[in-house]
ModelCIF file with pLDDT and N, C-alpha, C, O atoms, coordinates in Angstrom:
data_MODEL
#
_entry.id   MODEL 
#
_entity.id                         1 
_entity.type                       polymer 
_entity.pdbx_number_of_molecules   1 
#
_entity_poly.entity_id                      1 
_entity_poly.type                           'polypeptide(L)' 
_entity_poly.nstd_linkage                   no 
_entity_poly.nstd_monomer                   no 
_entity_poly.pdbx_seq_one_letter_code       LLRGEGRGVHRARNRGIEEARGEVLLFTDDDT 
_entity_poly.pdbx_seq_one_letter_code_can   LLRGEGRGVHRARNRGIEEARGEVLLFTDDDT 
_entity_poly.pdbx_strand_id                 A 
#
loop_
_entity_poly_seq.entity_id 
_entity_poly_seq.num 
_entity_poly_seq.mon_id 
_entity_poly_seq.hetero 
1 1  LEU n 
1 2  LEU n 
1 3  ARG n 
1 4  GLY n 
1 5  GLU n 
1 6  GLY n 
1 7  ARG n 
1 8  GLY n 
1 9  VAL n 
1 10 HIS n 
1 11 ARG n 
1 12 ALA n 
1 13 ARG n 
1 14 ASN n 
1 15 ARG n 
1 16 GLY n 
1 17 ILE n 
1 18 GLU n 
1 19 GLU n 
1 20 ALA n 
1 21 ARG n 
1 22 GLY n 
1 23 GLU n 
1 24 VAL n 
1 25 LEU n 
1 26 LEU n 
1 27 PHE n 
1 28 THR n 
1 29 ASP n 
1 30 ASP n 
1 31 ASP n 
1 32 THR n 
#
_struct_asym.id          A 
_struct_asym.entity_id   1 
#
loop_
_ma_qa_metric.id 
_ma_qa_metric.mode 
_ma_qa_metric.name 
_ma_qa_metric.software_group_id 
_ma_qa_metric.type 
1 global pLDDT . pLDDT 
2 local  pLDDT . pLDDT 
#
_ma_qa_metric_global.metric_id      1 
_ma_qa_metric_global.metric_value   89.91 
_ma_qa_metric_global.model_id       1 
_ma_qa_metric_global.ordinal_id     1 
#
loop_
_ma_qa_metric_local.label_asym_id 
_ma_qa_metric_local.label_comp_id 
_ma_qa_metric_local.label_seq_id 
_ma_qa_metric_local.metric_id 
_ma_qa_metric_local.metric_value 
_ma_qa_metric_local.model_id 
_ma_qa_metric_local.ordinal_id 
A LEU 1  2 95.00 1 1  
A LEU 2  2 94.00 1 2  
A ARG 3  2 85.00 1 3  
A GLY 4  2 76.00 1 4  
A GLU 5  2 74.00 1 5  
A GLY 6  2 68.00 1 6  
A ARG 7  2 71.00 1 7  
A GLY 8  2 79.00 1 8  
A VAL 9  2 85.00 1 9  
A HIS 10 2 85.00 1 10 
A ARG 11 2 86.00 1 11 
A ALA 12 2 90.00 1 12 
A ARG 13 2 92.00 1 13 
A ASN 14 2 90.00 1 14 
A ARG 15 2 92.00 1 15 
A GLY 16 2 93.00 1 16 
A ILE 17 2 94.00 1 17 
A GLU 18 2 92.00 1 18 
A GLU 19 2 94.00 1 19 
A ALA 20 2 95.00 1 20 
A ARG 21 2 94.00 1 21 
A GLY 22 2 93.00 1 22 
A GLU 23 2 95.00 1 23 
A VAL 24 2 97.00 1 24 
A LEU 25 2 97.00 1 25 
A LEU 26 2 98.00 1 26 
A PHE 27 2 97.00 1 27 
A THR 28 2 97.00 1 28 
A ASP 29 2 95.00 1 29 
A ASP 30 2 94.00 1 30 
A ASP 31 2 94.00 1 31 
A THR 32 2 96.00 1 32 
#
loop_
_atom_site.group_PDB 
_atom_site.id 
_atom_site.type_symbol 
_atom_site.label_atom_id 
_atom_site.label_alt_id 
_atom_site.label_comp_id 
_atom_site.label_asym_id 
_atom_site.label_entity_id 
_atom_site.label_seq_id 
_atom_site.pdbx_PDB_ins_code 
_atom_site.Cartn_x 
_atom_site.Cartn_y 
_atom_site.Cartn_z 
_atom_site.occupancy 
_atom_site.B_iso_or_equiv 
_atom_site.pdbx_formal_charge 
_atom_site.auth_seq_id 
_atom_site.auth_comp_id 
_atom_site.auth_asym_id 
_atom_site.auth_atom_id 
_atom_site.pdbx_PDB_model_num 
ATOM 1   N N  . LEU A 1 1  ? -45.915 -126.661 61.373 1.00 95.00 ? 1  LEU A N  1 
ATOM 2   C CA . LEU A 1 1  ? -46.689 -125.874 62.333 1.00 95.00 ? 1  LEU A CA 1 
ATOM 3   C C  . LEU A 1 1  ? -47.598 -124.916 61.580 1.00 95.00 ? 1  LEU A C  1 
ATOM 4   O O  . LEU A 1 1  ? -47.139 -124.101 60.780 1.00 95.00 ? 1  LEU A O  1 
ATOM 5   N N  . LEU A 1 2  ? -48.895 -125.027 61.847 1.00 94.00 ? 2  LEU A N  1 
ATOM 6   C CA . LEU A 1 2  ? -49.881 -124.132 61.261 1.00 94.00 ? 2  LEU A CA 1 
ATOM 7   C C  . LEU A 1 2  ? -50.516 -123.312 62.369 1.00 94.00 ? 2  LEU A C  1 
ATOM 8   O O  . LEU A 1 2  ? -50.687 -123.800 63.487 1.00 94.00 ? 2  LEU A O  1 
ATOM 9   N N  . ARG A 1 3  ? -50.858 -122.092 62.072 1.00 85.00 ? 3  ARG A N  1 
ATOM 10  C CA . ARG A 1 3  ? -51.504 -121.220 63.038 1.00 85.00 ? 3  ARG A CA 1 
ATOM 11  C C  . ARG A 1 3  ? -53.020 -121.264 62.846 1.00 85.00 ? 3  ARG A C  1 
ATOM 12  O O  . ARG A 1 3  ? -53.530 -120.965 61.766 1.00 85.00 ? 3  ARG A O  1 
ATOM 13  N N  . GLY A 1 4  ? -53.724 -121.638 63.906 1.00 76.00 ? 4  GLY A N  1 
ATOM 14  C CA . GLY A 1 4  ? -55.178 -121.570 63.877 1.00 76.00 ? 4  GLY A CA 1 
ATOM 15  C C  . GLY A 1 4  ? -55.642 -120.196 64.309 1.00 76.00 ? 4  GLY A C  1 
ATOM 16  O O  . GLY A 1 4  ? -54.839 -119.317 64.621 1.00 76.00 ? 4  GLY A O  1 
ATOM 17  N N  . GLU A 1 5  ? -56.957 -120.028 64.321 1.00 74.00 ? 5  GLU A N  1 
ATOM 18  C CA . GLU A 1 5  ? -57.537 -118.729 64.651 1.00 74.00 ? 5  GLU A CA 1 
ATOM 19  C C  . GLU A 1 5  ? -57.973 -118.642 66.110 1.00 74.00 ? 5  GLU A C  1 
ATOM 20  O O  . GLU A 1 5  ? -58.520 -117.621 66.526 1.00 74.00 ? 5  GLU A O  1 
ATOM 21  N N  . GLY A 1 6  ? -57.743 -119.693 66.892 1.00 68.00 ? 6  GLY A N  1 
ATOM 22  C CA . GLY A 1 6  ? -58.197 -119.684 68.269 1.00 68.00 ? 6  GLY A CA 1 
ATOM 23  C C  . GLY A 1 6  ? -59.696 -119.754 68.396 1.00 68.00 ? 6  GLY A C  1 
ATOM 24  O O  . GLY A 1 6  ? -60.264 -119.205 69.341 1.00 68.00 ? 6  GLY A O  1 
ATOM 25  N N  . ARG A 1 7  ? -60.353 -120.421 67.459 1.00 71.00 ? 7  ARG A N  1 
ATOM 26  C CA . ARG A 1 7  ? -61.826 -120.445 67.429 1.00 71.00 ? 7  ARG A CA 1 
ATOM 27  C C  . ARG A 1 7  ? -62.391 -121.857 67.536 1.00 71.00 ? 7  ARG A C  1 
ATOM 28  O O  . ARG A 1 7  ? -63.549 -122.077 67.181 1.00 71.00 ? 7  ARG A O  1 
ATOM 29  N N  . GLY A 1 8  ? -61.613 -122.807 68.012 1.00 79.00 ? 8  GLY A N  1 
ATOM 30  C CA . GLY A 1 8  ? -62.167 -124.128 68.272 1.00 79.00 ? 8  GLY A CA 1 
ATOM 31  C C  . GLY A 1 8  ? -61.597 -125.224 67.400 1.00 79.00 ? 8  GLY A C  1 
ATOM 32  O O  . GLY A 1 8  ? -60.983 -124.981 66.361 1.00 79.00 ? 8  GLY A O  1 
ATOM 33  N N  . VAL A 1 9  ? -61.831 -126.468 67.873 1.00 85.00 ? 9  VAL A N  1 
ATOM 34  C CA . VAL A 1 9  ? -61.154 -127.611 67.273 1.00 85.00 ? 9  VAL A CA 1 
ATOM 35  C C  . VAL A 1 9  ? -61.622 -127.871 65.847 1.00 85.00 ? 9  VAL A C  1 
ATOM 36  O O  . VAL A 1 9  ? -60.814 -128.285 65.015 1.00 85.00 ? 9  VAL A O  1 
ATOM 37  N N  . HIS A 1 10 ? -62.900 -127.645 65.530 1.00 85.00 ? 10 HIS A N  1 
ATOM 38  C CA . HIS A 1 10 ? -63.342 -127.968 64.175 1.00 85.00 ? 10 HIS A CA 1 
ATOM 39  C C  . HIS A 1 10 ? -62.709 -127.030 63.151 1.00 85.00 ? 10 HIS A C  1 
ATOM 40  O O  . HIS A 1 10 ? -62.402 -127.458 62.039 1.00 85.00 ? 10 HIS A O  1 
ATOM 41  N N  . ARG A 1 11 ? -62.509 -125.775 63.501 1.00 86.00 ? 11 ARG A N  1 
ATOM 42  C CA . ARG A 1 11 ? -61.835 -124.858 62.579 1.00 86.00 ? 11 ARG A CA 1 
ATOM 43  C C  . ARG A 1 11 ? -60.350 -125.202 62.460 1.00 86.00 ? 11 ARG A C  1 
ATOM 44  O O  . ARG A 1 11 ? -59.760 -125.058 61.389 1.00 86.00 ? 11 ARG A O  1 
ATOM 45  N N  . ALA A 1 12 ? -59.750 -125.656 63.561 1.00 90.00 ? 12 ALA A N  1 
ATOM 46  C CA . ALA A 1 12 ? -58.348 -126.075 63.496 1.00 90.00 ? 12 ALA A CA 1 
ATOM 47  C C  . ALA A 1 12 ? -58.192 -127.280 62.578 1.00 90.00 ? 12 ALA A C  1 
ATOM 48  O O  . ALA A 1 12 ? -57.254 -127.339 61.783 1.00 90.00 ? 12 ALA A O  1 
ATOM 49  N N  . ARG A 1 13 ? -59.105 -128.240 62.685 1.00 92.00 ? 13 ARG A N  1 
ATOM 50  C CA . ARG A 1 13 ? -59.044 -129.399 61.799 1.00 92.00 ? 13 ARG A CA 1 
ATOM 51  C C  . ARG A 1 13 ? -59.212 -128.988 60.340 1.00 92.00 ? 13 ARG A C  1 
ATOM 52  O O  . ARG A 1 13 ? -58.534 -129.520 59.461 1.00 92.00 ? 13 ARG A O  1 
ATOM 53  N N  . ASN A 1 14 ? -60.109 -128.048 60.083 1.00 90.00 ? 14 ASN A N  1 
ATOM 54  C CA . ASN A 1 14 ? -60.309 -127.592 58.707 1.00 90.00 ? 14 ASN A CA 1 
ATOM 55  C C  . ASN A 1 14 ? -59.084 -126.870 58.164 1.00 90.00 ? 14 ASN A C  1 
ATOM 56  O O  . ASN A 1 14 ? -58.801 -126.947 56.969 1.00 90.00 ? 14 ASN A O  1 
ATOM 57  N N  . ARG A 1 15 ? -58.357 -126.170 59.027 1.00 92.00 ? 15 ARG A N  1 
ATOM 58  C CA . ARG A 1 15 ? -57.114 -125.540 58.571 1.00 92.00 ? 15 ARG A CA 1 
ATOM 59  C C  . ARG A 1 15 ? -56.122 -126.614 58.132 1.00 92.00 ? 15 ARG A C  1 
ATOM 60  O O  . ARG A 1 15 ? -55.414 -126.444 57.139 1.00 92.00 ? 15 ARG A O  1 
ATOM 61  N N  . GLY A 1 16 ? -56.074 -127.712 58.870 1.00 93.00 ? 16 GLY A N  1 
ATOM 62  C CA . GLY A 1 16 ? -55.220 -128.819 58.473 1.00 93.00 ? 16 GLY A CA 1 
ATOM 63  C C  . GLY A 1 16 ? -55.623 -129.400 57.131 1.00 93.00 ? 16 GLY A C  1 
ATOM 64  O O  . GLY A 1 16 ? -54.766 -129.736 56.314 1.00 93.00 ? 16 GLY A O  1 
ATOM 65  N N  . ILE A 1 17 ? -56.923 -129.518 56.899 1.00 94.00 ? 17 ILE A N  1 
ATOM 66  C CA . ILE A 1 17 ? -57.413 -130.024 55.610 1.00 94.00 ? 17 ILE A CA 1 
ATOM 67  C C  . ILE A 1 17 ? -56.940 -129.115 54.472 1.00 94.00 ? 17 ILE A C  1 
ATOM 68  O O  . ILE A 1 17 ? -56.503 -129.601 53.429 1.00 94.00 ? 17 ILE A O  1 
ATOM 69  N N  . GLU A 1 18 ? -57.027 -127.813 54.672 1.00 92.00 ? 18 GLU A N  1 
ATOM 70  C CA . GLU A 1 18 ? -56.637 -126.863 53.632 1.00 92.00 ? 18 GLU A CA 1 
ATOM 71  C C  . GLU A 1 18 ? -55.160 -126.992 53.258 1.00 92.00 ? 18 GLU A C  1 
ATOM 72  O O  . GLU A 1 18 ? -54.787 -126.815 52.099 1.00 92.00 ? 18 GLU A O  1 
ATOM 73  N N  . GLU A 1 19 ? -54.333 -127.300 54.241 1.00 94.00 ? 19 GLU A N  1 
ATOM 74  C CA . GLU A 1 19 ? -52.879 -127.292 54.015 1.00 94.00 ? 19 GLU A CA 1 
ATOM 75  C C  . GLU A 1 19 ? -52.288 -128.668 53.722 1.00 94.00 ? 19 GLU A C  1 
ATOM 76  O O  . GLU A 1 19 ? -51.152 -128.756 53.256 1.00 94.00 ? 19 GLU A O  1 
ATOM 77  N N  . ALA A 1 20 ? -53.028 -129.738 53.983 1.00 95.00 ? 20 ALA A N  1 
ATOM 78  C CA . ALA A 1 20 ? -52.468 -131.092 53.873 1.00 95.00 ? 20 ALA A CA 1 
ATOM 79  C C  . ALA A 1 20 ? -52.120 -131.438 52.425 1.00 95.00 ? 20 ALA A C  1 
ATOM 80  O O  . ALA A 1 20 ? -52.785 -131.001 51.486 1.00 95.00 ? 20 ALA A O  1 
ATOM 81  N N  . ARG A 1 21 ? -51.067 -132.227 52.271 1.00 94.00 ? 21 ARG A N  1 
ATOM 82  C CA . ARG A 1 21 ? -50.608 -132.643 50.942 1.00 94.00 ? 21 ARG A CA 1 
ATOM 83  C C  . ARG A 1 21 ? -51.035 -134.060 50.583 1.00 94.00 ? 21 ARG A C  1 
ATOM 84  O O  . ARG A 1 21 ? -51.041 -134.419 49.406 1.00 94.00 ? 21 ARG A O  1 
ATOM 85  N N  . GLY A 1 22 ? -51.390 -134.867 51.568 1.00 93.00 ? 22 GLY A N  1 
ATOM 86  C CA . GLY A 1 22 ? -51.701 -136.262 51.315 1.00 93.00 ? 22 GLY A CA 1 
ATOM 87  C C  . GLY A 1 22 ? -53.085 -136.477 50.741 1.00 93.00 ? 22 GLY A C  1 
ATOM 88  O O  . GLY A 1 22 ? -53.940 -135.594 50.814 1.00 93.00 ? 22 GLY A O  1 
ATOM 89  N N  . GLU A 1 23 ? -53.304 -137.643 50.172 1.00 95.00 ? 23 GLU A N  1 
ATOM 90  C CA . GLU A 1 23 ? -54.611 -137.995 49.623 1.00 95.00 ? 23 GLU A CA 1 
ATOM 91  C C  . GLU A 1 23 ? -55.538 -138.584 50.670 1.00 95.00 ? 23 GLU A C  1 
ATOM 92  O O  . GLU A 1 23 ? -56.759 -138.495 50.544 1.00 95.00 ? 23 GLU A O  1 
ATOM 93  N N  . VAL A 1 24 ? -54.960 -139.187 51.707 1.00 97.00 ? 24 VAL A N  1 
ATOM 94  C CA . VAL A 1 24 ? -55.734 -139.684 52.843 1.00 97.00 ? 24 VAL A CA 1 
ATOM 95  C C  . VAL A 1 24 ? -55.289 -138.910 54.075 1.00 97.00 ? 24 VAL A C  1 
ATOM 96  O O  . VAL A 1 24 ? -54.096 -138.842 54.373 1.00 97.00 ? 24 VAL A O  1 
ATOM 97  N N  . LEU A 1 25 ? -56.238 -138.332 54.783 1.00 97.00 ? 25 LEU A N  1 
ATOM 98  C CA . LEU A 1 25 ? -55.950 -137.493 55.942 1.00 97.00 ? 25 LEU A CA 1 
ATOM 99  C C  . LEU A 1 25 ? -56.295 -138.248 57.214 1.00 97.00 ? 25 LEU A C  1 
ATOM 100 O O  . LEU A 1 25 ? -57.394 -138.787 57.342 1.00 97.00 ? 25 LEU A O  1 
ATOM 101 N N  . LEU A 1 26 ? -55.359 -138.288 58.156 1.00 98.00 ? 26 LEU A N  1 
ATOM 102 C CA . LEU A 1 26 ? -55.578 -138.923 59.452 1.00 98.00 ? 26 LEU A CA 1 
ATOM 103 C C  . LEU A 1 26 ? -55.609 -137.841 60.520 1.00 98.00 ? 26 LEU A C  1 
ATOM 104 O O  . LEU A 1 26 ? -54.762 -136.948 60.541 1.00 98.00 ? 26 LEU A O  1 
ATOM 105 N N  . PHE A 1 27 ? -56.589 -137.930 61.400 1.00 97.00 ? 27 PHE A N  1 
ATOM 106 C CA . PHE A 1 27 ? -56.754 -136.956 62.470 1.00 97.00 ? 27 PHE A CA 1 
ATOM 107 C C  . PHE A 1 27 ? -56.610 -137.648 63.816 1.00 97.00 ? 27 PHE A C  1 
ATOM 108 O O  . PHE A 1 27 ? -57.099 -138.760 64.016 1.00 97.00 ? 27 PHE A O  1 
ATOM 109 N N  . THR A 1 28 ? -55.933 -136.975 64.730 1.00 97.00 ? 28 THR A N  1 
ATOM 110 C CA . THR A 1 28 ? -55.923 -137.419 66.124 1.00 97.00 ? 28 THR A CA 1 
ATOM 111 C C  . THR A 1 28 ? -55.823 -136.181 66.995 1.00 97.00 ? 28 THR A C  1 
ATOM 112 O O  . THR A 1 28 ? -55.674 -135.073 66.480 1.00 97.00 ? 28 THR A O  1 
ATOM 113 N N  . ASP A 1 29 ? -55.903 -136.355 68.317 1.00 95.00 ? 29 ASP A N  1 
ATOM 114 C CA . ASP A 1 29 ? -55.862 -135.241 69.247 1.00 95.00 ? 29 ASP A CA 1 
ATOM 115 C C  . ASP A 1 29 ? -54.552 -135.224 70.008 1.00 95.00 ? 29 ASP A C  1 
ATOM 116 O O  . ASP A 1 29 ? -53.828 -136.219 70.040 1.00 95.00 ? 29 ASP A O  1 
ATOM 117 N N  . ASP A 1 30 ? -54.253 -134.097 70.616 1.00 94.00 ? 30 ASP A N  1 
ATOM 118 C CA . ASP A 1 30 ? -52.960 -133.958 71.291 1.00 94.00 ? 30 ASP A CA 1 
ATOM 119 C C  . ASP A 1 30 ? -52.857 -134.759 72.581 1.00 94.00 ? 30 ASP A C  1 
ATOM 120 O O  . ASP A 1 30 ? -51.759 -134.924 73.114 1.00 94.00 ? 30 ASP A O  1 
ATOM 121 N N  . ASP A 1 31 ? -53.978 -135.260 73.094 1.00 94.00 ? 31 ASP A N  1 
ATOM 122 C CA . ASP A 1 31 ? -53.923 -136.070 74.315 1.00 94.00 ? 31 ASP A CA 1 
ATOM 123 C C  . ASP A 1 31 ? -54.028 -137.562 74.039 1.00 94.00 ? 31 ASP A C  1 
ATOM 124 O O  . ASP A 1 31 ? -54.367 -138.338 74.932 1.00 94.00 ? 31 ASP A O  1 
ATOM 125 N N  . THR A 1 32 ? -53.738 -137.968 72.801 1.00 96.00 ? 32 THR A N  1 
ATOM 126 C CA . THR A 1 32 ? -53.739 -139.394 72.458 1.00 96.00 ? 32 THR A CA 1 
ATOM 127 C C  . THR A 1 32 ? -52.311 -139.894 72.276 1.00 96.00 ? 32 THR A C  1 
ATOM 128 O O  . THR A 1 32 ? -52.102 -141.071 71.984 1.00 96.00 ? 32 THR A O  1 
#
């Protein structure tokens, strides 16, 4: 669980990029 800044989906995705450990990053949305 990572805490975003409440400033929109693109910033939330970038927070995930900063913290991710993998070499290939997969993105999806919570309604998929």
